[in-house]
Amino acid sequence: MKSGIKITDSELEFIEFSSKEIGLALYCKSFKMNLEEIQLIGISPRMVLDDETLFILIIDKFNRIYPLPDEILGTNGLKNLEKHFDLYPIQKEWQKFEHNDHYGKVDKVIYPKEKYWNDLFEKDWKLKIRVLYSWLVSKSFYGNLNKKNVG
C-alpha cells in the first residue's frame, strides 16, 4: 500500500509518508488499530516554519495519541474515514481556525458528535508550556486530555 490511510469495516491503517517527502516536522509514524478502539478524533492546527498546517489526532481507549499529517487531506482514505465516523469535512473544519490558533494553543474534538468542538486538552500549565515551544516542535501534543472527553 502507498502512503496514506486505509479504512476497512474493522480497522484503520496509516502508512507513513517519507520524512524526505513531507519533512521531519510533519512526519508521523505508521500505525494500525481496530476501529472499536478509537475513543476520540481531534484536529490540531499548527505552524511549521511559516506555513499553517493541521494534524488529525486519533486517540484510542488507552488515551494514546496517533497523529496524521495534513498530507492526507483530499484523499479517498480521509473521505472514507469521514464517512465511517460521520464527520464534517475536515478541510472545512480547519477553516474555522484563525491564524493565531496555529501556535499550539487550540485542539478541538470532532468525534464523537456529542463532544464536538470541545477542547481536546485541559487548559492548564502543560498547555501553556506547549504554546511556548510549538513553533519549534510542531507535532508536540504535550498536555492532559480534557477529562470531559475521555473515559
C-alpha atoms as a PDB file:
ATOM      1  CA  MET A   1       0.000   0.000   0.000  1.00  0.00           C
ATOM      2  CA  LYS A   2       1.177   3.503  -0.711  1.00  0.00           C
ATOM      3  CA  SER A   3       1.383   6.216   1.947  1.00  0.00           C
ATOM      4  CA  GLY A   4      -1.878   7.420   3.456  1.00  0.00           C
ATOM      5  CA  ILE A   5      -4.820   5.970   5.347  1.00  0.00           C
ATOM      6  CA  LYS A   6      -6.948   2.962   4.606  1.00  0.00           C
ATOM      7  CA  ILE A   7     -10.127   2.090   6.451  1.00  0.00           C
ATOM      8  CA  THR A   8     -11.984  -1.223   6.405  1.00  0.00           C
ATOM      9  CA  ASP A   9     -15.089  -2.345   8.292  1.00  0.00           C
ATOM     10  CA  SER A  10     -12.963  -3.070  11.355  1.00  0.00           C
ATOM     11  CA  GLU A  11      -9.574  -1.394  11.034  1.00  0.00           C
ATOM     12  CA  LEU A  12      -7.792   1.898  10.394  1.00  0.00           C
ATOM     13  CA  GLU A  13      -4.298   1.739   8.941  1.00  0.00           C
ATOM     14  CA  PHE A  14      -1.927   4.632   8.329  1.00  0.00           C
ATOM     15  CA  ILE A  15       1.197   4.142   6.222  1.00  0.00           C
ATOM     16  CA  GLU A  16       3.670   6.928   6.885  1.00  0.00           C
ATOM     17  CA  PHE A  17       4.838   9.402   4.294  1.00  0.00           C
ATOM     18  CA  SER A  18       8.601   9.523   3.897  1.00  0.00           C
ATOM     19  CA  SER A  19      10.241  12.222   6.004  1.00  0.00           C
ATOM     20  CA  LYS A  20      12.136  13.188   2.853  1.00  0.00           C
ATOM     21  CA  GLU A  21       8.802  13.715   1.111  1.00  0.00           C
ATOM     22  CA  ILE A  22       6.992  15.795   3.756  1.00  0.00           C
ATOM     23  CA  GLY A  23       9.787  16.855   6.137  1.00  0.00           C
ATOM     24  CA  LEU A  24      10.570  15.845   9.701  1.00  0.00           C
ATOM     25  CA  ALA A  25       8.214  18.452  11.175  1.00  0.00           C
ATOM     26  CA  LEU A  26       5.204  16.708   9.588  1.00  0.00           C
ATOM     27  CA  TYR A  27       6.445  13.113   9.722  1.00  0.00           C
ATOM     28  CA  CYS A  28       4.075  10.745  11.574  1.00  0.00           C
ATOM     29  CA  LYS A  29       4.728   7.039  12.224  1.00  0.00           C
ATOM     30  CA  SER A  30       2.666   4.264  10.663  1.00  0.00           C
ATOM     31  CA  PHE A  31       0.044   2.561  12.815  1.00  0.00           C
ATOM     32  CA  LYS A  32      -2.844   0.126  12.619  1.00  0.00           C
ATOM     33  CA  MET A  33      -5.771  -0.104  15.048  1.00  0.00           C
ATOM     34  CA  ASN A  34      -9.225  -1.573  15.411  1.00  0.00           C
ATOM     35  CA  LEU A  35     -11.966   0.981  14.819  1.00  0.00           C
ATOM     36  CA  GLU A  36     -13.592  -0.046  18.112  1.00  0.00           C
ATOM     37  CA  GLU A  37     -10.521   1.270  19.966  1.00  0.00           C
ATOM     38  CA  ILE A  38     -10.977   4.829  18.688  1.00  0.00           C
ATOM     39  CA  GLN A  39     -12.290   6.990  21.515  1.00  0.00           C
ATOM     40  CA  LEU A  40     -11.801  10.479  20.052  1.00  0.00           C
ATOM     41  CA  ILE A  41     -10.768  12.193  16.851  1.00  0.00           C
ATOM     42  CA  GLY A  42      -9.406  15.701  17.123  1.00  0.00           C
ATOM     43  CA  ILE A  43      -7.805  18.336  14.957  1.00  0.00           C
ATOM     44  CA  SER A  44      -4.811  20.439  15.867  1.00  0.00           C
ATOM     45  CA  PRO A  45      -3.768  23.456  13.780  1.00  0.00           C
ATOM     46  CA  ARG A  46      -0.032  24.216  13.862  1.00  0.00           C
ATOM     47  CA  MET A  47       2.651  26.349  12.291  1.00  0.00           C
ATOM     48  CA  VAL A  48       5.574  24.683  10.536  1.00  0.00           C
ATOM     49  CA  LEU A  49       8.097  27.392   9.766  1.00  0.00           C
ATOM     50  CA  ASP A  50       5.720  29.981   8.300  1.00  0.00           C
ATOM     51  CA  ASP A  51       3.134  27.552   6.919  1.00  0.00           C
ATOM     52  CA  GLU A  52      -0.182  26.743   8.564  1.00  0.00           C
ATOM     53  CA  THR A  53      -0.707  23.005   8.849  1.00  0.00           C
ATOM     54  CA  LEU A  54      -3.157  20.639  10.511  1.00  0.00           C
ATOM     55  CA  PHE A  55      -2.720  17.377  12.377  1.00  0.00           C
ATOM     56  CA  ILE A  56      -5.617  14.970  12.735  1.00  0.00           C
ATOM     57  CA  LEU A  57      -5.357  13.196  16.081  1.00  0.00           C
ATOM     58  CA  ILE A  58      -6.704   9.700  16.636  1.00  0.00           C
ATOM     59  CA  ILE A  59      -6.993   8.912  20.358  1.00  0.00           C
ATOM     60  CA  ASP A  60      -7.527   5.320  21.415  1.00  0.00           C
ATOM     61  CA  LYS A  61      -9.271   3.963  24.502  1.00  0.00           C
ATOM     62  CA  PHE A  62      -5.902   3.951  26.329  1.00  0.00           C
ATOM     63  CA  ASN A  63      -5.542   7.728  25.652  1.00  0.00           C
ATOM     64  CA  ARG A  64      -2.643   7.201  23.246  1.00  0.00           C
ATOM     65  CA  ILE A  65      -2.436   9.816  20.516  1.00  0.00           C
ATOM     66  CA  TYR A  66      -1.770   8.870  16.896  1.00  0.00           C
ATOM     67  CA  PRO A  67      -1.204  11.933  14.686  1.00  0.00           C
ATOM     68  CA  LEU A  68      -1.942  12.106  10.966  1.00  0.00           C
ATOM     69  CA  PRO A  69      -0.377  14.848   8.806  1.00  0.00           C
ATOM     70  CA  ASP A  70      -2.417  17.164   6.600  1.00  0.00           C
ATOM     71  CA  GLU A  71      -0.864  15.365   3.640  1.00  0.00           C
ATOM     72  CA  ILE A  72      -3.936  13.074   3.774  1.00  0.00           C
ATOM     73  CA  LEU A  73      -6.398  15.927   3.149  1.00  0.00           C
ATOM     74  CA  GLY A  74      -8.389  15.394  -0.024  1.00  0.00           C
ATOM     75  CA  THR A  75      -7.558  11.682  -0.275  1.00  0.00           C
ATOM     76  CA  ASN A  76     -10.048   8.841  -0.629  1.00  0.00           C
ATOM     77  CA  GLY A  77      -8.732   7.395   2.631  1.00  0.00           C
ATOM     78  CA  LEU A  78      -9.716  10.537   4.523  1.00  0.00           C
ATOM     79  CA  LYS A  79     -13.090  10.674   2.777  1.00  0.00           C
ATOM     80  CA  ASN A  80     -13.702   7.088   3.904  1.00  0.00           C
ATOM     81  CA  LEU A  81     -12.719   7.990   7.483  1.00  0.00           C
ATOM     82  CA  GLU A  82     -15.075  10.995   7.435  1.00  0.00           C
ATOM     83  CA  LYS A  83     -17.865   8.806   6.073  1.00  0.00           C
ATOM     84  CA  HIS A  84     -17.322   5.968   8.561  1.00  0.00           C
ATOM     85  CA  PHE A  85     -17.368   8.286  11.589  1.00  0.00           C
ATOM     86  CA  ASP A  86     -19.948  10.686  10.098  1.00  0.00           C
ATOM     87  CA  LEU A  87     -17.512  13.611  10.372  1.00  0.00           C
ATOM     88  CA  TYR A  88     -17.917  17.036   8.886  1.00  0.00           C
ATOM     89  CA  PRO A  89     -15.313  17.518   6.108  1.00  0.00           C
ATOM     90  CA  ILE A  90     -12.049  18.061   7.977  1.00  0.00           C
ATOM     91  CA  GLN A  91     -10.715  20.530   5.447  1.00  0.00           C
ATOM     92  CA  LYS A  92     -13.750  22.750   6.132  1.00  0.00           C
ATOM     93  CA  GLU A  93     -13.326  22.300   9.885  1.00  0.00           C
ATOM     94  CA  TRP A  94      -9.769  23.606   9.529  1.00  0.00           C
ATOM     95  CA  GLN A  95     -11.127  26.835   8.042  1.00  0.00           C
ATOM     96  CA  LYS A  96     -12.805  27.639  11.383  1.00  0.00           C
ATOM     97  CA  PHE A  97      -9.406  28.373  12.911  1.00  0.00           C
ATOM     98  CA  GLU A  98      -7.744  31.760  12.748  1.00  0.00           C
ATOM     99  CA  HIS A  99      -4.055  32.319  12.081  1.00  0.00           C
ATOM    100  CA  ASN A 100      -3.181  32.739  15.784  1.00  0.00           C
ATOM    101  CA  ASP A 101      -4.798  29.370  16.589  1.00  0.00           C
ATOM    102  CA  HIS A 102      -1.920  27.630  14.781  1.00  0.00           C
ATOM    103  CA  TYR A 103       0.571  28.225  17.598  1.00  0.00           C
ATOM    104  CA  GLY A 104      -0.265  25.103  19.616  1.00  0.00           C
ATOM    105  CA  LYS A 105      -2.928  26.538  21.899  1.00  0.00           C
ATOM    106  CA  VAL A 106      -6.078  25.106  20.294  1.00  0.00           C
ATOM    107  CA  ASP A 107      -7.042  21.473  19.652  1.00  0.00           C
ATOM    108  CA  LYS A 108     -10.678  20.512  19.082  1.00  0.00           C
ATOM    109  CA  VAL A 109     -12.671  17.271  19.230  1.00  0.00           C
ATOM    110  CA  ILE A 110     -14.543  16.365  16.036  1.00  0.00           C
ATOM    111  CA  TYR A 111     -15.637  12.845  17.068  1.00  0.00           C
ATOM    112  CA  PRO A 112     -17.826  11.744  18.790  1.00  0.00           C
ATOM    113  CA  LYS A 113     -20.575  14.214  17.889  1.00  0.00           C
ATOM    114  CA  GLU A 114     -21.730  14.708  21.497  1.00  0.00           C
ATOM    115  CA  LYS A 115     -18.256  16.088  22.323  1.00  0.00           C
ATOM    116  CA  TYR A 116     -17.939  18.074  19.097  1.00  0.00           C
ATOM    117  CA  TRP A 117     -15.754  21.179  19.323  1.00  0.00           C
ATOM    118  CA  ASN A 118     -14.839  20.611  22.973  1.00  0.00           C
ATOM    119  CA  ASP A 119     -11.243  21.434  23.828  1.00  0.00           C
ATOM    120  CA  LEU A 120      -9.188  18.274  23.397  1.00  0.00           C
ATOM    121  CA  PHE A 121      -6.678  19.214  26.110  1.00  0.00           C
ATOM    122  CA  GLU A 122      -7.098  20.785  29.535  1.00  0.00           C
ATOM    123  CA  LYS A 123      -6.260  24.499  29.653  1.00  0.00           C
ATOM    124  CA  ASP A 124      -3.534  24.037  32.264  1.00  0.00           C
ATOM    125  CA  TRP A 125       0.182  24.707  32.736  1.00  0.00           C
ATOM    126  CA  LYS A 126       1.156  21.928  30.319  1.00  0.00           C
ATOM    127  CA  LEU A 127      -0.755  23.600  27.510  1.00  0.00           C
ATOM    128  CA  LYS A 128       0.921  26.927  28.334  1.00  0.00           C
ATOM    129  CA  ILE A 129       4.347  25.243  28.155  1.00  0.00           C
ATOM    130  CA  ARG A 130       3.451  23.642  24.815  1.00  0.00           C
ATOM    131  CA  VAL A 131       2.472  27.015  23.353  1.00  0.00           C
ATOM    132  CA  LEU A 132       5.969  28.296  24.141  1.00  0.00           C
ATOM    133  CA  TYR A 133       7.746  25.672  22.046  1.00  0.00           C
ATOM    134  CA  SER A 134       5.148  24.548  19.487  1.00  0.00           C
ATOM    135  CA  TRP A 135       6.739  26.749  16.829  1.00  0.00           C
ATOM    136  CA  LEU A 136       9.872  24.614  17.250  1.00  0.00           C
ATOM    137  CA  VAL A 137       8.249  21.183  17.741  1.00  0.00           C
ATOM    138  CA  SER A 138       5.047  21.433  15.725  1.00  0.00           C
ATOM    139  CA  LYS A 139       3.792  17.918  16.391  1.00  0.00           C
ATOM    140  CA  SER A 140       4.093  18.009  20.161  1.00  0.00           C
ATOM    141  CA  PHE A 141       0.805  17.151  21.816  1.00  0.00           C
ATOM    142  CA  TYR A 142       2.039  17.679  25.373  1.00  0.00           C
ATOM    143  CA  GLY A 143      -0.831  18.142  27.764  1.00  0.00           C
ATOM    144  CA  ASN A 144      -3.585  16.443  29.708  1.00  0.00           C
ATOM    145  CA  LEU A 145      -6.568  15.229  27.725  1.00  0.00           C
ATOM    146  CA  ASN A 146      -9.721  17.055  28.783  1.00  0.00           C
ATOM    147  CA  LYS A 147     -11.500  14.876  31.356  1.00  0.00           C
ATOM    148  CA  LYS A 148     -14.874  15.836  29.842  1.00  0.00           C
ATOM    149  CA  ASN A 149     -13.934  13.893  26.716  1.00  0.00           C
ATOM    150  CA  VAL A 150     -12.200  10.745  27.960  1.00  0.00           C
ATOM    151  CA  GLY A 151     -13.453   7.749  29.830  1.00  0.00           C
END
